[in-house]
Amino acid sequence: MTDLSDPQPETSSTETSSTDPVFRRLVDGGLLYDADRECIHHLNETVALICEHWRNGLVEEEIVKVLTSRFEVEDEAAREQIRLALKQLDGTDSA
């Protein structure tokens, strides 16, 4: 017999934490679904790479190396792009 006096909400292994937006890689970039803001962001290739590596635990300098090896970009330009992308993804930049 099931005790219905204290129902527990059902949870799923695919359920998304409200603090962890879902990221999916696409051929031309990526998609980021933010449940807190109820929006989907289509990311270009550069921002998708940044997001993917940041979510996998790489720090800024490691991501700089990824970008400079993949694209023709100087370290400082890559660093600025990373900082801008992370601010936008975090929602702290109004751009």
C-alpha atoms as a PDB file:
ATOM      1  CA  MET A   1       0.000   0.000   0.000  1.00  0.00           C
ATOM      2  CA  THR A   2       1.292   3.465  -0.890  1.00  0.00           C
ATOM      3  CA  ASP A   3       1.337   6.217   1.732  1.00  0.00           C
ATOM      4  CA  LEU A   4      -0.265   9.282   0.134  1.00  0.00           C
ATOM      5  CA  SER A   5       0.001  11.491   3.219  1.00  0.00           C
ATOM      6  CA  ASP A   6       3.373  12.930   2.223  1.00  0.00           C
ATOM      7  CA  PRO A   7       3.685  12.868  -1.550  1.00  0.00           C
ATOM      8  CA  GLN A   8       7.222  13.364  -2.844  1.00  0.00           C
ATOM      9  CA  PRO A   9       7.737  15.064  -6.192  1.00  0.00           C
ATOM     10  CA  GLU A  10       8.961  12.719  -8.859  1.00  0.00           C
ATOM     11  CA  THR A  11      12.410  13.482 -10.214  1.00  0.00           C
ATOM     12  CA  SER A  12      14.001  12.343 -13.408  1.00  0.00           C
ATOM     13  CA  SER A  13      17.644  11.687 -14.185  1.00  0.00           C
ATOM     14  CA  THR A  14      17.255  14.031 -17.165  1.00  0.00           C
ATOM     15  CA  GLU A  15      15.772  16.823 -15.066  1.00  0.00           C
ATOM     16  CA  THR A  16      17.773  20.040 -15.338  1.00  0.00           C
ATOM     17  CA  SER A  17      18.969  21.948 -12.307  1.00  0.00           C
ATOM     18  CA  SER A  18      17.807  25.548 -12.476  1.00  0.00           C
ATOM     19  CA  THR A  19      21.408  26.687 -12.042  1.00  0.00           C
ATOM     20  CA  ASP A  20      22.799  24.494 -14.824  1.00  0.00           C
ATOM     21  CA  PRO A  21      21.561  25.428 -18.308  1.00  0.00           C
ATOM     22  CA  VAL A  22      21.448  22.588 -20.826  1.00  0.00           C
ATOM     23  CA  PHE A  23      24.055  22.836 -23.592  1.00  0.00           C
ATOM     24  CA  ARG A  24      23.878  20.932 -26.869  1.00  0.00           C
ATOM     25  CA  ARG A  25      26.573  21.007 -29.524  1.00  0.00           C
ATOM     26  CA  LEU A  26      25.450  21.638 -33.106  1.00  0.00           C
ATOM     27  CA  VAL A  27      27.352  21.486 -36.394  1.00  0.00           C
ATOM     28  CA  ASP A  28      27.440  25.288 -36.626  1.00  0.00           C
ATOM     29  CA  GLY A  29      27.744  26.129 -32.922  1.00  0.00           C
ATOM     30  CA  GLY A  30      25.438  25.189 -30.086  1.00  0.00           C
ATOM     31  CA  LEU A  31      22.207  25.695 -28.202  1.00  0.00           C
ATOM     32  CA  LEU A  32      21.982  26.717 -24.573  1.00  0.00           C
ATOM     33  CA  TYR A  33      18.642  26.365 -22.786  1.00  0.00           C
ATOM     34  CA  ASP A  34      18.312  28.439 -19.620  1.00  0.00           C
ATOM     35  CA  ALA A  35      15.294  27.240 -17.609  1.00  0.00           C
ATOM     36  CA  ASP A  36      15.596  30.100 -15.101  1.00  0.00           C
ATOM     37  CA  ARG A  37      15.149  32.701 -17.846  1.00  0.00           C
ATOM     38  CA  GLU A  38      13.018  30.400 -20.010  1.00  0.00           C
ATOM     39  CA  CYS A  39      15.067  31.096 -23.122  1.00  0.00           C
ATOM     40  CA  ILE A  40      17.195  29.353 -25.699  1.00  0.00           C
ATOM     41  CA  HIS A  41      20.433  30.869 -26.979  1.00  0.00           C
ATOM     42  CA  HIS A  42      21.869  29.870 -30.364  1.00  0.00           C
ATOM     43  CA  LEU A  43      25.655  30.101 -29.986  1.00  0.00           C
ATOM     44  CA  ASN A  44      28.083  30.653 -32.838  1.00  0.00           C
ATOM     45  CA  GLU A  45      31.056  28.295 -33.213  1.00  0.00           C
ATOM     46  CA  THR A  46      33.408  30.411 -31.071  1.00  0.00           C
ATOM     47  CA  VAL A  47      31.013  30.856 -28.163  1.00  0.00           C
ATOM     48  CA  ALA A  48      29.973  27.192 -28.371  1.00  0.00           C
ATOM     49  CA  LEU A  49      33.638  26.162 -28.029  1.00  0.00           C
ATOM     50  CA  ILE A  50      34.080  28.498 -25.063  1.00  0.00           C
ATOM     51  CA  CYS A  51      30.905  27.219 -23.397  1.00  0.00           C
ATOM     52  CA  GLU A  52      31.744  23.573 -24.028  1.00  0.00           C
ATOM     53  CA  HIS A  53      35.271  23.815 -22.608  1.00  0.00           C
ATOM     54  CA  TRP A  54      34.263  26.015 -19.662  1.00  0.00           C
ATOM     55  CA  ARG A  55      31.506  23.556 -18.700  1.00  0.00           C
ATOM     56  CA  ASN A  56      34.108  20.763 -18.889  1.00  0.00           C
ATOM     57  CA  GLY A  57      36.216  22.522 -16.262  1.00  0.00           C
ATOM     58  CA  LEU A  58      38.865  24.278 -18.350  1.00  0.00           C
ATOM     59  CA  VAL A  59      40.086  27.596 -16.999  1.00  0.00           C
ATOM     60  CA  GLU A  60      40.462  30.767 -19.037  1.00  0.00           C
ATOM     61  CA  GLU A  61      44.099  30.206 -20.057  1.00  0.00           C
ATOM     62  CA  GLU A  62      43.334  26.670 -21.248  1.00  0.00           C
ATOM     63  CA  ILE A  63      40.442  27.955 -23.349  1.00  0.00           C
ATOM     64  CA  VAL A  64      42.733  30.677 -24.763  1.00  0.00           C
ATOM     65  CA  LYS A  65      45.032  27.896 -26.008  1.00  0.00           C
ATOM     66  CA  VAL A  66      42.077  26.078 -27.590  1.00  0.00           C
ATOM     67  CA  LEU A  67      40.909  29.208 -29.424  1.00  0.00           C
ATOM     68  CA  THR A  68      44.368  30.275 -30.617  1.00  0.00           C
ATOM     69  CA  SER A  69      45.096  26.781 -31.922  1.00  0.00           C
ATOM     70  CA  ARG A  70      41.754  26.527 -33.730  1.00  0.00           C
ATOM     71  CA  PHE A  71      41.393  30.075 -35.050  1.00  0.00           C
ATOM     72  CA  GLU A  72      43.834  32.728 -36.247  1.00  0.00           C
ATOM     73  CA  VAL A  73      43.555  34.914 -33.164  1.00  0.00           C
ATOM     74  CA  GLU A  74      46.035  36.449 -30.728  1.00  0.00           C
ATOM     75  CA  ASP A  75      45.986  35.469 -27.044  1.00  0.00           C
ATOM     76  CA  GLU A  76      44.579  38.802 -25.847  1.00  0.00           C
ATOM     77  CA  ALA A  77      41.764  38.819 -28.422  1.00  0.00           C
ATOM     78  CA  ALA A  78      40.847  35.247 -27.429  1.00  0.00           C
ATOM     79  CA  ARG A  79      40.926  36.207 -23.737  1.00  0.00           C
ATOM     80  CA  GLU A  80      38.606  39.177 -24.370  1.00  0.00           C
ATOM     81  CA  GLN A  81      36.190  36.968 -26.354  1.00  0.00           C
ATOM     82  CA  ILE A  82      36.132  34.401 -23.541  1.00  0.00           C
ATOM     83  CA  ARG A  83      35.407  37.026 -20.892  1.00  0.00           C
ATOM     84  CA  LEU A  84      32.666  38.625 -22.991  1.00  0.00           C
ATOM     85  CA  ALA A  85      31.058  35.272 -23.808  1.00  0.00           C
ATOM     86  CA  LEU A  86      31.047  34.144 -20.177  1.00  0.00           C
ATOM     87  CA  LYS A  87      29.576  37.461 -19.019  1.00  0.00           C
ATOM     88  CA  GLN A  88      26.809  37.181 -21.613  1.00  0.00           C
ATOM     89  CA  LEU A  89      26.109  33.546 -20.784  1.00  0.00           C
ATOM     90  CA  ASP A  90      26.016  34.421 -17.095  1.00  0.00           C
ATOM     91  CA  GLY A  91      23.581  37.243 -17.789  1.00  0.00           C
ATOM     92  CA  THR A  92      25.822  39.925 -16.283  1.00  0.00           C
ATOM     93  CA  ASP A  93      26.278  41.718 -19.606  1.00  0.00           C
ATOM     94  CA  SER A  94      23.416  43.658 -21.164  1.00  0.00           C
ATOM     95  CA  ALA A  95      24.675  43.118 -24.736  1.00  0.00           C
END
